[in-house]
Amino acid sequence: MDFKKQKPIYLQIADRLMEQILGGQPAEDERMPSVRDVASSMGVNPNTVMRTFEHLQSEGIIYTRRGMGYYVAVGAREKIIAEQRREFLEDDLPLIRQRIKMLGISIDELKSDATA
């Protein structure tokens, strides 16, 4: 995985795992890949992945079954979508609006590009 400097690696891994959950792999109440498997596939230290899993657990995206590993929580997809919508509306959209205004792009231009 190619990591960016602007965001901590454990959060970038969390984003990737949440994308997979949104895609249905693994589905709700299914077992997550092990910490070692994720670490190996992404080329990172298992401690980094453990931090990722702890973060996802604190967000209610995954949960642990004692001695069995981590599982996708029921309702995880809805939580992920709600959080990503919030982030987009609060963080990304204001920057997009500012850029549109700075470049002098009209609503008609946006509409015509959206339908093309």
PDB file of N, CA and C in Angstrom:
ATOM      1  N   MET A   1       0.854  -1.178   0.000  1.00  0.00           N
ATOM      2  CA  MET A   1       0.000   0.000   0.000  1.00  0.00           C
ATOM      3  C   MET A   1       0.895   1.235   0.000  1.00  0.00           C
ATOM      4  N   ASP A   2       0.517   2.233  -0.773  1.00  0.00           N
ATOM      5  CA  ASP A   2       1.280   3.476  -0.873  1.00  0.00           C
ATOM      6  C   ASP A   2       0.683   4.484   0.104  1.00  0.00           C
ATOM      7  N   PHE A   3       1.447   4.866   1.114  1.00  0.00           N
ATOM      8  CA  PHE A   3       0.941   5.743   2.159  1.00  0.00           C
ATOM      9  C   PHE A   3       1.295   7.198   1.877  1.00  0.00           C
ATOM     10  N   LYS A   4       0.419   8.089   2.327  1.00  0.00           N
ATOM     11  CA  LYS A   4       0.628   9.525   2.194  1.00  0.00           C
ATOM     12  C   LYS A   4       1.101  10.089   3.526  1.00  0.00           C
ATOM     13  N   LYS A   5       1.867  11.161   3.471  1.00  0.00           N
ATOM     14  CA  LYS A   5       2.441  11.735   4.685  1.00  0.00           C
ATOM     15  C   LYS A   5       1.431  12.542   5.490  1.00  0.00           C
ATOM     16  N   GLN A   6       0.365  13.038   4.858  1.00  0.00           N
ATOM     17  CA  GLN A   6      -0.547  13.955   5.528  1.00  0.00           C
ATOM     18  C   GLN A   6      -1.406  13.291   6.608  1.00  0.00           C
ATOM     19  N   LYS A   7      -1.517  11.996   6.587  1.00  0.00           N
ATOM     20  CA  LYS A   7      -2.416  11.293   7.495  1.00  0.00           C
ATOM     21  C   LYS A   7      -1.673  10.115   8.112  1.00  0.00           C
ATOM     22  N   PRO A   8      -1.865   9.862   9.408  1.00  0.00           N
ATOM     23  CA  PRO A   8      -1.189   8.718  10.034  1.00  0.00           C
ATOM     24  C   PRO A   8      -1.505   7.402   9.317  1.00  0.00           C
ATOM     25  N   ILE A   9      -0.509   6.523   9.258  1.00  0.00           N
ATOM     26  CA  ILE A   9      -0.659   5.259   8.541  1.00  0.00           C
ATOM     27  C   ILE A   9      -1.811   4.434   9.090  1.00  0.00           C
ATOM     28  N   TYR A  10      -1.968   4.400  10.415  1.00  0.00           N
ATOM     29  CA  TYR A  10      -3.037   3.568  10.979  1.00  0.00           C
ATOM     30  C   TYR A  10      -4.415   4.049  10.524  1.00  0.00           C
ATOM     31  N   LEU A  11      -4.570   5.356  10.315  1.00  0.00           N
ATOM     32  CA  LEU A  11      -5.850   5.875   9.815  1.00  0.00           C
ATOM     33  C   LEU A  11      -6.031   5.591   8.329  1.00  0.00           C
ATOM     34  N   GLN A  12      -4.940   5.578   7.576  1.00  0.00           N
ATOM     35  CA  GLN A  12      -5.028   5.216   6.170  1.00  0.00           C
ATOM     36  C   GLN A  12      -5.424   3.745   6.015  1.00  0.00           C
ATOM     37  N   ILE A  13      -4.892   2.906   6.890  1.00  0.00           N
ATOM     38  CA  ILE A  13      -5.276   1.489   6.878  1.00  0.00           C
ATOM     39  C   ILE A  13      -6.746   1.363   7.269  1.00  0.00           C
ATOM     40  N   ALA A  14      -7.180   2.137   8.257  1.00  0.00           N
ATOM     41  CA  ALA A  14      -8.589   2.116   8.667  1.00  0.00           C
ATOM     42  C   ALA A  14      -9.482   2.508   7.496  1.00  0.00           C
ATOM     43  N   ASP A  15      -9.090   3.539   6.748  1.00  0.00           N
ATOM     44  CA  ASP A  15      -9.869   3.956   5.575  1.00  0.00           C
ATOM     45  C   ASP A  15      -9.982   2.813   4.568  1.00  0.00           C
ATOM     46  N   ARG A  16      -8.883   2.125   4.336  1.00  0.00           N
ATOM     47  CA  ARG A  16      -8.872   1.011   3.379  1.00  0.00           C
ATOM     48  C   ARG A  16      -9.789  -0.114   3.854  1.00  0.00           C
ATOM     49  N   LEU A  17      -9.717  -0.450   5.141  1.00  0.00           N
ATOM     50  CA  LEU A  17     -10.567  -1.514   5.675  1.00  0.00           C
ATOM     51  C   LEU A  17     -12.045  -1.111   5.620  1.00  0.00           C
ATOM     52  N   MET A  18     -12.325   0.167   5.886  1.00  0.00           N
ATOM     53  CA  MET A  18     -13.718   0.624   5.814  1.00  0.00           C
ATOM     54  C   MET A  18     -14.238   0.575   4.383  1.00  0.00           C
ATOM     55  N   GLU A  19     -13.393   0.870   3.400  1.00  0.00           N
ATOM     56  CA  GLU A  19     -13.790   0.734   1.996  1.00  0.00           C
ATOM     57  C   GLU A  19     -14.159  -0.714   1.689  1.00  0.00           C
ATOM     58  N   GLN A  20     -13.366  -1.645   2.216  1.00  0.00           N
ATOM     59  CA  GLN A  20     -13.648  -3.058   2.002  1.00  0.00           C
ATOM     60  C   GLN A  20     -14.969  -3.449   2.656  1.00  0.00           C
ATOM     61  N   ILE A  21     -15.217  -2.941   3.855  1.00  0.00           N
ATOM     62  CA  ILE A  21     -16.478  -3.237   4.545  1.00  0.00           C
ATOM     63  C   ILE A  21     -17.645  -2.662   3.748  1.00  0.00           C
ATOM     64  N   LEU A  22     -17.489  -1.448   3.234  1.00  0.00           N
ATOM     65  CA  LEU A  22     -18.551  -0.859   2.405  1.00  0.00           C
ATOM     66  C   LEU A  22     -18.807  -1.705   1.166  1.00  0.00           C
ATOM     67  N   GLY A  23     -17.747  -2.331   0.656  1.00  0.00           N
ATOM     68  CA  GLY A  23     -17.879  -3.206  -0.503  1.00  0.00           C
ATOM     69  C   GLY A  23     -18.424  -4.589  -0.164  1.00  0.00           C
ATOM     70  N   GLY A  24     -18.642  -4.850   1.119  1.00  0.00           N
ATOM     71  CA  GLY A  24     -19.235  -6.122   1.527  1.00  0.00           C
ATOM     72  C   GLY A  24     -18.244  -7.213   1.875  1.00  0.00           C
ATOM     73  N   GLN A  25     -16.965  -6.910   1.900  1.00  0.00           N
ATOM     74  CA  GLN A  25     -15.956  -7.916   2.224  1.00  0.00           C
ATOM     75  C   GLN A  25     -15.053  -7.425   3.334  1.00  0.00           C
ATOM     76  N   PRO A  26     -15.191  -7.871   4.525  1.00  0.00           N
ATOM     77  CA  PRO A  26     -16.177  -8.845   5.016  1.00  0.00           C
ATOM     78  C   PRO A  26     -17.526  -8.180   5.301  1.00  0.00           C
ATOM     79  N   ALA A  27     -18.549  -8.986   5.308  1.00  0.00           N
ATOM     80  CA  ALA A  27     -19.899  -8.504   5.587  1.00  0.00           C
ATOM     81  C   ALA A  27     -20.094  -8.340   7.093  1.00  0.00           C
ATOM     82  N   GLU A  28     -21.198  -7.710   7.456  1.00  0.00           N
ATOM     83  CA  GLU A  28     -21.499  -7.531   8.878  1.00  0.00           C
ATOM     84  C   GLU A  28     -21.557  -8.876   9.586  1.00  0.00           C
ATOM     85  N   ASP A  29     -21.003  -8.902  10.767  1.00  0.00           N
ATOM     86  CA  ASP A  29     -20.928 -10.075  11.638  1.00  0.00           C
ATOM     87  C   ASP A  29     -20.018 -11.175  11.096  1.00  0.00           C
ATOM     88  N   GLU A  30     -19.205 -10.850  10.075  1.00  0.00           N
ATOM     89  CA  GLU A  30     -18.188 -11.785   9.578  1.00  0.00           C
ATOM     90  C   GLU A  30     -16.836 -11.416  10.166  1.00  0.00           C
ATOM     91  N   ARG A  31     -15.966 -12.399  10.222  1.00  0.00           N
ATOM     92  CA  ARG A  31     -14.638 -12.219  10.808  1.00  0.00           C
ATOM     93  C   ARG A  31     -13.765 -11.341   9.912  1.00  0.00           C
ATOM     94  N   MET A  32     -13.043 -10.432  10.555  1.00  0.00           N
ATOM     95  CA  MET A  32     -12.054  -9.601   9.874  1.00  0.00           C
ATOM     96  C   MET A  32     -10.795 -10.432   9.631  1.00  0.00           C
ATOM     97  N   PRO A  33      -9.984 -10.047   8.645  1.00  0.00           N
ATOM     98  CA  PRO A  33      -8.677 -10.707   8.515  1.00  0.00           C
ATOM     99  C   PRO A  33      -7.881 -10.469   9.802  1.00  0.00           C
ATOM    100  N   SER A  34      -6.958 -11.363  10.091  1.00  0.00           N
ATOM    101  CA  SER A  34      -6.172 -11.217  11.317  1.00  0.00           C
ATOM    102  C   SER A  34      -5.239 -10.011  11.222  1.00  0.00           C
ATOM    103  N   VAL A  35      -4.790  -9.548  12.368  1.00  0.00           N
ATOM    104  CA  VAL A  35      -3.838  -8.437  12.431  1.00  0.00           C
ATOM    105  C   VAL A  35      -2.599  -8.780  11.614  1.00  0.00           C
ATOM    106  N   ARG A  36      -2.095  -9.985  11.761  1.00  0.00           N
ATOM    107  CA  ARG A  36      -0.897 -10.405  11.022  1.00  0.00           C
ATOM    108  C   ARG A  36      -1.140 -10.427   9.517  1.00  0.00           C
ATOM    109  N   ASP A  37      -2.294 -10.922   9.096  1.00  0.00           N
ATOM    110  CA  ASP A  37      -2.610 -10.961   7.665  1.00  0.00           C
ATOM    111  C   ASP A  37      -2.672  -9.558   7.071  1.00  0.00           C
ATOM    112  N   VAL A  38      -3.328  -8.648   7.779  1.00  0.00           N
ATOM    113  CA  VAL A  38      -3.428  -7.266   7.296  1.00  0.00           C
ATOM    114  C   VAL A  38      -2.038  -6.637   7.256  1.00  0.00           C
ATOM    115  N   ALA A  39      -1.263  -6.826   8.314  1.00  0.00           N
ATOM    116  CA  ALA A  39       0.086  -6.252   8.373  1.00  0.00           C
ATOM    117  C   ALA A  39       0.945  -6.773   7.220  1.00  0.00           C
ATOM    118  N   SER A  40       0.858  -8.063   6.978  1.00  0.00           N
ATOM    119  CA  SER A  40       1.648  -8.673   5.914  1.00  0.00           C
ATOM    120  C   SER A  40       1.221  -8.152   4.542  1.00  0.00           C
ATOM    121  N   SER A  41      -0.076  -8.085   4.298  1.00  0.00           N
ATOM    122  CA  SER A  41      -0.557  -7.649   2.977  1.00  0.00           C
ATOM    123  C   SER A  41      -0.284  -6.177   2.711  1.00  0.00           C
ATOM    124  N   MET A  42      -0.182  -5.373   3.758  1.00  0.00           N
ATOM    125  CA  MET A  42       0.049  -3.939   3.585  1.00  0.00           C
ATOM    126  C   MET A  42       1.492  -3.529   3.846  1.00  0.00           C
ATOM    127  N   GLY A  43       2.309  -4.477   4.280  1.00  0.00           N
ATOM    128  CA  GLY A  43       3.719  -4.196   4.491  1.00  0.00           C
ATOM    129  C   GLY A  43       3.990  -3.263   5.655  1.00  0.00           C
ATOM    130  N   VAL A  44       3.234  -3.444   6.740  1.00  0.00           N
ATOM    131  CA  VAL A  44       3.423  -2.602   7.920  1.00  0.00           C
ATOM    132  C   VAL A  44       3.629  -3.479   9.153  1.00  0.00           C
ATOM    133  N   ASN A  45       4.012  -2.855  10.231  1.00  0.00           N
ATOM    134  CA  ASN A  45       4.214  -3.538  11.500  1.00  0.00           C
ATOM    135  C   ASN A  45       2.854  -3.958  12.076  1.00  0.00           C
ATOM    136  N   PRO A  46       2.761  -5.159  12.654  1.00  0.00           N
ATOM    137  CA  PRO A  46       1.502  -5.583  13.263  1.00  0.00           C
ATOM    138  C   PRO A  46       0.988  -4.622  14.348  1.00  0.00           C
ATOM    139  N   ASN A  47       1.895  -3.927  15.031  1.00  0.00           N
ATOM    140  CA  ASN A  47       1.461  -2.956  16.042  1.00  0.00           C
ATOM    141  C   ASN A  47       0.665  -1.811  15.418  1.00  0.00           C
ATOM    142  N   THR A  48       1.024  -1.434  14.202  1.00  0.00           N
ATOM    143  CA  THR A  48       0.292  -0.385  13.493  1.00  0.00           C
ATOM    144  C   THR A  48      -1.121  -0.863  13.174  1.00  0.00           C
ATOM    145  N   VAL A  49      -1.230  -2.099  12.734  1.00  0.00           N
ATOM    146  CA  VAL A  49      -2.551  -2.662  12.422  1.00  0.00           C
ATOM    147  C   VAL A  49      -3.364  -2.820  13.702  1.00  0.00           C
ATOM    148  N   MET A  50      -2.709  -3.202  14.789  1.00  0.00           N
ATOM    149  CA  MET A  50      -3.416  -3.315  16.067  1.00  0.00           C
ATOM    150  C   MET A  50      -3.999  -1.966  16.456  1.00  0.00           C
ATOM    151  N   ARG A  51      -3.255  -0.907  16.248  1.00  0.00           N
ATOM    152  CA  ARG A  51      -3.759   0.442  16.535  1.00  0.00           C
ATOM    153  C   ARG A  51      -4.966   0.753  15.636  1.00  0.00           C
ATOM    154  N   THR A  52      -4.886   0.335  14.380  1.00  0.00           N
ATOM    155  CA  THR A  52      -6.006   0.515  13.457  1.00  0.00           C
ATOM    156  C   THR A  52      -7.250  -0.203  13.974  1.00  0.00           C
ATOM    157  N   PHE A  53      -7.084  -1.452  14.374  1.00  0.00           N
ATOM    158  CA  PHE A  53      -8.220  -2.234  14.866  1.00  0.00           C
ATOM    159  C   PHE A  53      -8.797  -1.615  16.135  1.00  0.00           C
ATOM    160  N   GLU A  54      -7.940  -1.128  17.013  1.00  0.00           N
ATOM    161  CA  GLU A  54      -8.424  -0.467  18.238  1.00  0.00           C
ATOM    162  C   GLU A  54      -9.229   0.785  17.886  1.00  0.00           C
ATOM    163  N   HIS A  55      -8.755   1.524  16.892  1.00  0.00           N
ATOM    164  CA  HIS A  55      -9.476   2.720  16.434  1.00  0.00           C
ATOM    165  C   HIS A  55     -10.855   2.329  15.877  1.00  0.00           C
ATOM    166  N   LEU A  56     -10.883   1.333  15.001  1.00  0.00           N
ATOM    167  CA  LEU A  56     -12.152   0.897  14.411  1.00  0.00           C
ATOM    168  C   LEU A  56     -13.102   0.357  15.479  1.00  0.00           C
ATOM    169  N   GLN A  57     -12.555  -0.293  16.487  1.00  0.00           N
ATOM    170  CA  GLN A  57     -13.383  -0.799  17.573  1.00  0.00           C
ATOM    171  C   GLN A  57     -13.967   0.362  18.377  1.00  0.00           C
ATOM    172  N   SER A  58     -13.165   1.378  18.637  1.00  0.00           N
ATOM    173  CA  SER A  58     -13.663   2.532  19.392  1.00  0.00           C
ATOM    174  C   SER A  58     -14.738   3.293  18.620  1.00  0.00           C
ATOM    175  N   GLU A  59     -14.720   3.180  17.292  1.00  0.00           N
ATOM    176  CA  GLU A  59     -15.725   3.831  16.440  1.00  0.00           C
ATOM    177  C   GLU A  59     -16.974   2.957  16.253  1.00  0.00           C
ATOM    178  N   GLY A  60     -16.949   1.739  16.779  1.00  0.00           N
ATOM    179  CA  GLY A  60     -18.092   0.846  16.649  1.00  0.00           C
ATOM    180  C   GLY A  60     -18.194   0.169  15.295  1.00  0.00           C
ATOM    181  N   ILE A  61     -17.099   0.140  14.553  1.00  0.00           N
ATOM    182  CA  ILE A  61     -17.085  -0.485  13.231  1.00  0.00           C
ATOM    183  C   ILE A  61     -16.817  -1.986  13.341  1.00  0.00           C
ATOM    184  N   ILE A  62     -15.947  -2.352  14.257  1.00  0.00           N
ATOM    185  CA  ILE A  62     -15.649  -3.764  14.491  1.00  0.00           C
ATOM    186  C   ILE A  62     -15.747  -4.051  15.986  1.00  0.00           C
ATOM    187  N   TYR A  63     -15.817  -5.313  16.315  1.00  0.00           N
ATOM    188  CA  TYR A  63     -15.817  -5.726  17.717  1.00  0.00           C
ATOM    189  C   TYR A  63     -15.004  -7.007  17.832  1.00  0.00           C
ATOM    190  N   THR A  64     -14.631  -7.351  19.045  1.00  0.00           N
ATOM    191  CA  THR A  64     -13.823  -8.544  19.256  1.00  0.00           C
ATOM    192  C   THR A  64     -14.638  -9.628  19.946  1.00  0.00           C
ATOM    193  N   ARG A  65     -14.383 -10.841  19.531  1.00  0.00           N
ATOM    194  CA  ARG A  65     -14.916 -12.008  20.224  1.00  0.00           C
ATOM    195  C   ARG A  65     -13.714 -12.669  20.879  1.00  0.00           C
ATOM    196  N   ARG A  66     -13.773 -12.773  22.153  1.00  0.00           N
ATOM    197  CA  ARG A  66     -12.647 -13.289  22.933  1.00  0.00           C
ATOM    198  C   ARG A  66     -12.122 -14.605  22.346  1.00  0.00           C
ATOM    199  N   GLY A  67     -10.849 -14.593  22.017  1.00  0.00           N
ATOM    200  CA  GLY A  67     -10.205 -15.786  21.489  1.00  0.00           C
ATOM    201  C   GLY A  67     -10.538 -16.109  20.045  1.00  0.00           C
ATOM    202  N   MET A  68     -11.390 -15.303  19.414  1.00  0.00           N
ATOM    203  CA  MET A  68     -11.838 -15.594  18.048  1.00  0.00           C
ATOM    204  C   MET A  68     -11.368 -14.555  17.035  1.00  0.00           C
ATOM    205  N   GLY A  69     -11.044 -13.358  17.498  1.00  0.00           N
ATOM    206  CA  GLY A  69     -10.605 -12.314  16.584  1.00  0.00           C
ATOM    207  C   GLY A  69     -11.600 -11.177  16.495  1.00  0.00           C
ATOM    208  N   TYR A  70     -11.434 -10.376  15.465  1.00  0.00           N
ATOM    209  CA  TYR A  70     -12.283  -9.204  15.248  1.00  0.00           C
ATOM    210  C   TYR A  70     -13.336  -9.502  14.194  1.00  0.00           C
ATOM    211  N   TYR A  71     -14.512  -8.899  14.397  1.00  0.00           N
ATOM    212  CA  TYR A  71     -15.654  -9.088  13.502  1.00  0.00           C
ATOM    213  C   TYR A  71     -16.239  -7.726  13.139  1.00  0.00           C
ATOM    214  N   VAL A  72     -16.860  -7.664  11.964  1.00  0.00           N
ATOM    215  CA  VAL A  72     -17.528  -6.438  11.534  1.00  0.00           C
ATOM    216  C   VAL A  72     -18.822  -6.298  12.328  1.00  0.00           C
ATOM    217  N   ALA A  73     -19.009  -5.138  12.918  1.00  0.00           N
ATOM    218  CA  ALA A  73     -20.198  -4.885  13.734  1.00  0.00           C
ATOM    219  C   ALA A  73     -21.443  -4.763  12.851  1.00  0.00           C
ATOM    220  N   VAL A  74     -22.567  -5.177  13.392  1.00  0.00           N
ATOM    221  CA  VAL A  74     -23.839  -4.968  12.719  1.00  0.00           C
ATOM    222  C   VAL A  74     -24.086  -3.455  12.696  1.00  0.00           C
ATOM    223  N   GLY A  75     -24.420  -2.932  11.537  1.00  0.00           N
ATOM    224  CA  GLY A  75     -24.636  -1.500  11.384  1.00  0.00           C
ATOM    225  C   GLY A  75     -23.369  -0.734  11.024  1.00  0.00           C
ATOM    226  N   ALA A  76     -22.264  -1.457  10.801  1.00  0.00           N
ATOM    227  CA  ALA A  76     -20.987  -0.808  10.491  1.00  0.00           C
ATOM    228  C   ALA A  76     -21.067   0.008   9.202  1.00  0.00           C
ATOM    229  N   ARG A  77     -21.722  -0.541   8.180  1.00  0.00           N
ATOM    230  CA  ARG A  77     -21.827   0.178   6.899  1.00  0.00           C
ATOM    231  C   ARG A  77     -22.501   1.537   7.092  1.00  0.00           C
ATOM    232  N   GLU A  78     -23.589   1.562   7.848  1.00  0.00           N
ATOM    233  CA  GLU A  78     -24.317   2.809   8.069  1.00  0.00           C
ATOM    234  C   GLU A  78     -23.455   3.815   8.830  1.00  0.00           C
ATOM    235  N   LYS A  79     -22.692   3.328   9.818  1.00  0.00           N
ATOM    236  CA  LYS A  79     -21.801   4.215  10.579  1.00  0.00           C
ATOM    237  C   LYS A  79     -20.717   4.797   9.682  1.00  0.00           C
ATOM    238  N   ILE A  80     -20.146   3.962   8.841  1.00  0.00           N
ATOM    239  CA  ILE A  80     -19.095   4.423   7.932  1.00  0.00           C
ATOM    240  C   ILE A  80     -19.639   5.474   6.972  1.00  0.00           C
ATOM    241  N   ILE A  81     -20.790   5.197   6.383  1.00  0.00           N
ATOM    242  CA  ILE A  81     -21.392   6.141   5.443  1.00  0.00           C
ATOM    243  C   ILE A  81     -21.719   7.457   6.136  1.00  0.00           C
ATOM    244  N   ALA A  82     -22.289   7.392   7.317  1.00  0.00           N
ATOM    245  CA  ALA A  82     -22.639   8.614   8.049  1.00  0.00           C
ATOM    246  C   ALA A  82     -21.395   9.443   8.353  1.00  0.00           C
ATOM    247  N   GLU A  83     -20.328   8.798   8.776  1.00  0.00           N
ATOM    248  CA  GLU A  83     -19.092   9.515   9.093  1.00  0.00           C
ATOM    249  C   GLU A  83     -18.452  10.099   7.841  1.00  0.00           C
ATOM    250  N   GLN A  84     -18.442   9.333   6.759  1.00  0.00           N
ATOM    251  CA  GLN A  84     -17.850   9.843   5.520  1.00  0.00           C
ATOM    252  C   GLN A  84     -18.660  10.999   4.947  1.00  0.00           C
ATOM    253  N   ARG A  85     -19.979  10.940   5.066  1.00  0.00           N
ATOM    254  CA  ARG A  85     -20.825  12.063   4.627  1.00  0.00           C
ATOM    255  C   ARG A  85     -20.521  13.307   5.458  1.00  0.00           C
ATOM    256  N   ARG A  86     -20.401  13.131   6.780  1.00  0.00           N
ATOM    257  CA  ARG A  86     -20.104  14.255   7.666  1.00  0.00           C
ATOM    258  C   ARG A  86     -18.758  14.875   7.298  1.00  0.00           C
ATOM    259  N   GLU A  87     -17.748  14.032   7.117  1.00  0.00           N
ATOM    260  CA  GLU A  87     -16.422  14.534   6.753  1.00  0.00           C
ATOM    261  C   GLU A  87     -16.462  15.291   5.435  1.00  0.00           C
ATOM    262  N   PHE A  88     -17.181  14.750   4.464  1.00  0.00           N
ATOM    263  CA  PHE A  88     -17.274  15.417   3.167  1.00  0.00           C
ATOM    264  C   PHE A  88     -17.941  16.784   3.309  1.00  0.00           C
ATOM    265  N   LEU A  89     -19.066  16.820   3.997  1.00  0.00           N
ATOM    266  CA  LEU A  89     -19.804  18.082   4.127  1.00  0.00           C
ATOM    267  C   LEU A  89     -19.050  19.123   4.948  1.00  0.00           C
ATOM    268  N   GLU A  90     -18.326  18.694   5.979  1.00  0.00           N
ATOM    269  CA  GLU A  90     -17.629  19.634   6.854  1.00  0.00           C
ATOM    270  C   GLU A  90     -16.214  19.974   6.398  1.00  0.00           C
ATOM    271  N   ASP A  91     -15.527  19.029   5.772  1.00  0.00           N
ATOM    272  CA  ASP A  91     -14.120  19.232   5.427  1.00  0.00           C
ATOM    273  C   ASP A  91     -13.889  19.475   3.935  1.00  0.00           C
ATOM    274  N   ASP A  92     -14.439  18.600   3.103  1.00  0.00           N
ATOM    275  CA  ASP A  92     -14.152  18.655   1.671  1.00  0.00           C
ATOM    276  C   ASP A  92     -14.977  19.704   0.926  1.00  0.00           C
ATOM    277  N   LEU A  93     -16.275  19.723   1.180  1.00  0.00           N
ATOM    278  CA  LEU A  93     -17.151  20.611   0.424  1.00  0.00           C
ATOM    279  C   LEU A  93     -16.789  22.087   0.563  1.00  0.00           C
ATOM    280  N   PRO A  94     -16.462  22.587   1.758  1.00  0.00           N
ATOM    281  CA  PRO A  94     -16.057  24.001   1.836  1.00  0.00           C
ATOM    282  C   PRO A  94     -14.829  24.310   0.965  1.00  0.00           C
ATOM    283  N   LEU A  95     -13.889  23.382   0.892  1.00  0.00           N
ATOM    284  CA  LEU A  95     -12.713  23.587   0.047  1.00  0.00           C
ATOM    285  C   LEU A  95     -13.085  23.567  -1.430  1.00  0.00           C
ATOM    286  N   ILE A  96     -13.993  22.678  -1.789  1.00  0.00           N
ATOM    287  CA  ILE A  96     -14.458  22.612  -3.181  1.00  0.00           C
ATOM    288  C   ILE A  96     -15.187  23.901  -3.545  1.00  0.00           C
ATOM    289  N   ARG A  97     -16.055  24.377  -2.665  1.00  0.00           N
ATOM    290  CA  ARG A  97     -16.764  25.634  -2.919  1.00  0.00           C
ATOM    291  C   ARG A  97     -15.788  26.793  -3.089  1.00  0.00           C
ATOM    292  N   GLN A  98     -14.787  26.845  -2.217  1.00  0.00           N
ATOM    293  CA  GLN A  98     -13.790  27.910  -2.289  1.00  0.00           C
ATOM    294  C   GLN A  98     -13.039  27.857  -3.623  1.00  0.00           C
ATOM    295  N   ARG A  99     -12.675  26.674  -4.049  1.00  0.00           N
ATOM    296  CA  ARG A  99     -11.946  26.504  -5.319  1.00  0.00           C
ATOM    297  C   ARG A  99     -12.816  26.899  -6.500  1.00  0.00           C
ATOM    298  N   ILE A 100     -14.094  26.517  -6.473  1.00  0.00           N
ATOM    299  CA  ILE A 100     -15.032  26.880  -7.535  1.00  0.00           C
ATOM    300  C   ILE A 100     -15.134  28.401  -7.640  1.00  0.00           C
ATOM    301  N   LYS A 101     -15.263  29.042  -6.494  1.00  0.00           N
ATOM    302  CA  LYS A 101     -15.377  30.501  -6.467  1.00  0.00           C
ATOM    303  C   LYS A 101     -14.088  31.150  -6.972  1.00  0.00           C
ATOM    304  N   MET A 102     -12.952  30.644  -6.527  1.00  0.00           N
ATOM    305  CA  MET A 102     -11.666  31.200  -6.919  1.00  0.00           C
ATOM    306  C   MET A 102     -11.437  31.087  -8.430  1.00  0.00           C
ATOM    307  N   LEU A 103     -11.895  29.972  -9.006  1.00  0.00           N
ATOM    308  CA  LEU A 103     -11.700  29.747 -10.440  1.00  0.00           C
ATOM    309  C   LEU A 103     -12.803  30.362 -11.292  1.00  0.00           C
ATOM    310  N   GLY A 104     -13.832  30.906 -10.643  1.00  0.00           N
ATOM    311  CA  GLY A 104     -14.916  31.545 -11.382  1.00  0.00           C
ATOM    312  C   GLY A 104     -15.758  30.574 -12.183  1.00  0.00           C
ATOM    313  N   ILE A 105     -15.948  29.394 -11.650  1.00  0.00           N
ATOM    314  CA  ILE A 105     -16.764  28.383 -12.334  1.00  0.00           C
ATOM    315  C   ILE A 105     -18.223  28.627 -12.009  1.00  0.00           C
ATOM    316  N   SER A 106     -19.051  28.674 -13.041  1.00  0.00           N
ATOM    317  CA  SER A 106     -20.476  28.959 -12.846  1.00  0.00           C
ATOM    318  C   SER A 106     -21.244  27.670 -12.552  1.00  0.00           C
ATOM    319  N   ILE A 107     -22.435  27.845 -12.021  1.00  0.00           N
ATOM    320  CA  ILE A 107     -23.339  26.711 -11.758  1.00  0.00           C
ATOM    321  C   ILE A 107     -23.652  25.984 -13.055  1.00  0.00           C
ATOM    322  N   ASP A 108     -23.856  26.746 -14.131  1.00  0.00           N
ATOM    323  CA  ASP A 108     -24.154  26.121 -15.431  1.00  0.00           C
ATOM    324  C   ASP A 108     -22.997  25.232 -15.897  1.00  0.00           C
ATOM    325  N   GLU A 109     -21.753  25.678 -15.667  1.00  0.00           N
ATOM    326  CA  GLU A 109     -20.605  24.861 -16.033  1.00  0.00           C
ATOM    327  C   GLU A 109     -20.572  23.568 -15.226  1.00  0.00           C
ATOM    328  N   LEU A 110     -20.882  23.679 -13.955  1.00  0.00           N
ATOM    329  CA  LEU A 110     -20.912  22.491 -13.101  1.00  0.00           C
ATOM    330  C   LEU A 110     -21.994  21.519 -13.563  1.00  0.00           C
ATOM    331  N   LYS A 111     -23.157  22.055 -13.883  1.00  0.00           N
ATOM    332  CA  LYS A 111     -24.258  21.211 -14.325  1.00  0.00           C
ATOM    333  C   LYS A 111     -23.920  20.515 -15.640  1.00  0.00           C
ATOM    334  N   SER A 112     -23.325  21.260 -16.572  1.00  0.00           N
ATOM    335  CA  SER A 112     -23.020  20.665 -17.881  1.00  0.00           C
ATOM    336  C   SER A 112     -21.940  19.599 -17.743  1.00  0.00           C
ATOM    337  N   ASP A 113     -20.958  19.806 -16.855  1.00  0.00           N
ATOM    338  CA  ASP A 113     -19.919  18.798 -16.630  1.00  0.00           C
ATOM    339  C   ASP A 113     -20.485  17.569 -15.940  1.00  0.00           C
ATOM    340  N   ALA A 114     -21.473  17.760 -15.081  1.00  0.00           N
ATOM    341  CA  ALA A 114     -22.057  16.646 -14.329  1.00  0.00           C
ATOM    342  C   ALA A 114     -22.882  15.741 -15.243  1.00  0.00           C
ATOM    343  N   THR A 115     -23.455  16.294 -16.290  1.00  0.00           N
ATOM    344  CA  THR A 115     -24.305  15.493 -17.182  1.00  0.00           C
ATOM    345  C   THR A 115     -23.523  14.917 -18.349  1.00  0.00           C
ATOM    346  N   ALA A 116     -22.280  15.353 -18.519  1.00  0.00           N
ATOM    347  CA  ALA A 116     -21.467  14.862 -19.650  1.00  0.00           C
ATOM    348  C   ALA A 116     -20.926  13.487 -19.407  1.00  0.00           C
TER     349      ALA A 116
END
